[in-house]
Amino acid sequence: MADNKDNKPKQNQINIELDEKVAEGTYSNLAIINHSVSEFVVDFVSIMPGTPKSKVKSRIILTPQHAKRLLKALGENVQRFEKAHGEIKDYEQPPIPLNFGPTGQA
């Protein structure tokens, strides 16, 4: 008979569900990062050429500890990617003027 232990999730294992809509992903070619003492906020934006206005497509809010873990994980993955596919070239682009809503004068 088969051992029932194999069917049970491991104690430190987390089952993560990914629904179809989230699995499609959201395209972003700009990330805007802000922080406070207690959190990092990353806004993902998609800017299309010739379009005067763009919207934040997704926002994640992280604790400082999770932001540091994300930085480390991204760095490790970029290194692995470059080892397999060559250096990622970072092209200089003119700064993008960012405007988050109405502005006023003081």
Protein backbone atom coordinates (compact mmCIF):
# COMPACT_ATOMS: atom_id res chain seq x y z
CA MET A 1 0.00 0.00 0.00
CA ALA A 2 1.09 3.53 -0.65
CA ASP A 3 2.25 5.63 2.25
CA ASN A 4 -0.22 8.47 3.03
CA LYS A 5 2.65 10.71 4.16
CA ASP A 6 3.48 11.47 0.51
CA ASN A 7 0.09 13.11 -0.07
CA LYS A 8 0.33 15.54 2.83
CA PRO A 9 2.02 18.93 2.30
CA LYS A 10 5.31 19.36 4.11
CA GLN A 11 5.11 21.33 7.35
CA ASN A 12 7.10 24.36 6.08
CA GLN A 13 5.61 24.29 2.58
CA ILE A 14 3.14 26.93 1.40
CA ASN A 15 0.67 26.16 -1.36
CA ILE A 16 0.31 29.22 -3.60
CA GLU A 17 -2.65 29.57 -5.94
CA LEU A 18 -2.26 31.49 -9.19
CA ASP A 19 -5.54 32.29 -10.93
CA GLU A 20 -5.73 32.75 -14.70
CA LYS A 21 -6.12 36.54 -14.67
CA VAL A 22 -3.05 37.06 -12.47
CA ALA A 23 -1.10 34.46 -14.47
CA GLU A 24 -1.51 36.64 -17.60
CA GLY A 25 0.69 39.27 -15.96
CA THR A 26 0.80 43.01 -16.52
CA TYR A 27 3.33 44.68 -18.82
CA SER A 28 5.42 47.48 -17.32
CA ASN A 29 8.32 49.47 -18.72
CA LEU A 30 8.70 51.85 -15.78
CA ALA A 31 8.80 51.32 -12.03
CA ILE A 32 8.47 54.23 -9.62
CA ILE A 33 9.70 53.49 -6.11
CA ASN A 34 8.95 55.48 -2.97
CA HIS A 35 9.41 54.64 0.68
CA SER A 36 8.57 55.67 4.21
CA VAL A 37 10.03 54.41 7.46
CA SER A 38 7.70 51.42 7.44
CA GLU A 39 7.15 50.48 3.79
CA PHE A 40 8.34 50.57 0.20
CA VAL A 41 5.80 51.32 -2.53
CA VAL A 42 6.54 50.18 -6.09
CA ASP A 43 4.24 51.48 -8.83
CA PHE A 44 4.46 49.71 -12.19
CA VAL A 45 3.60 51.88 -15.19
CA SER A 46 3.28 51.17 -18.90
CA ILE A 47 4.32 54.16 -21.01
CA MET A 48 3.50 53.98 -24.71
CA PRO A 49 5.22 56.23 -27.27
CA GLY A 50 3.06 59.10 -28.47
CA THR A 51 0.67 58.78 -25.55
CA PRO A 52 0.58 61.88 -23.34
CA LYS A 53 -0.82 60.08 -20.31
CA SER A 54 -0.04 56.80 -18.56
CA LYS A 55 -1.59 54.98 -15.62
CA VAL A 56 -0.17 52.93 -12.80
CA LYS A 57 -0.99 49.36 -13.83
CA SER A 58 -0.02 47.68 -10.57
CA ARG A 59 1.25 48.62 -7.12
CA ILE A 60 3.02 46.51 -4.54
CA ILE A 61 3.68 47.58 -0.98
CA LEU A 62 6.53 45.87 0.87
CA THR A 63 8.06 45.99 4.30
CA PRO A 64 11.70 47.18 4.26
CA GLN A 65 12.80 43.60 4.99
CA HIS A 66 10.85 42.20 2.04
CA ALA A 67 12.15 45.01 -0.21
CA LYS A 68 15.70 43.97 0.67
CA ARG A 69 14.89 40.31 -0.05
CA LEU A 70 13.38 41.32 -3.41
CA LEU A 71 16.52 43.31 -4.24
CA LYS A 72 18.69 40.29 -3.44
CA ALA A 73 16.48 37.87 -5.41
CA LEU A 74 16.38 40.19 -8.44
CA GLY A 75 20.16 40.60 -8.34
CA GLU A 76 20.68 36.83 -8.23
CA ASN A 77 18.26 36.29 -11.11
CA VAL A 78 19.85 39.01 -13.26
CA GLN A 79 23.26 37.39 -12.69
CA ARG A 80 21.91 33.98 -13.77
CA PHE A 81 20.20 35.51 -16.82
CA GLU A 82 23.38 37.32 -17.89
CA LYS A 83 25.45 34.18 -17.38
CA ALA A 84 23.11 32.29 -19.72
CA HIS A 85 22.32 35.04 -22.26
CA GLY A 86 24.99 37.73 -22.00
CA GLU A 87 25.05 41.16 -20.43
CA ILE A 88 21.84 43.16 -20.33
CA LYS A 89 22.56 46.51 -21.96
CA ASP A 90 21.11 49.53 -20.17
CA TYR A 91 20.42 52.24 -22.72
CA GLU A 92 20.44 55.87 -21.61
CA GLN A 93 17.05 57.49 -21.95
CA PRO A 94 15.98 61.06 -21.34
CA PRO A 95 14.31 61.50 -17.95
CA ILE A 96 10.57 61.01 -18.00
CA PRO A 97 8.65 63.92 -16.44
CA LEU A 98 6.37 62.36 -13.86
CA ASN A 99 3.13 64.01 -12.87
CA PHE A 100 0.93 62.32 -10.28
CA GLY A 101 -2.19 64.46 -10.45
CA PRO A 102 -2.74 68.18 -10.05
CA THR A 103 0.06 70.41 -8.84
CA GLY A 104 -0.16 73.72 -7.08
CA GLN A 105 2.00 76.64 -6.10
CA ALA A 106 2.84 77.47 -2.52
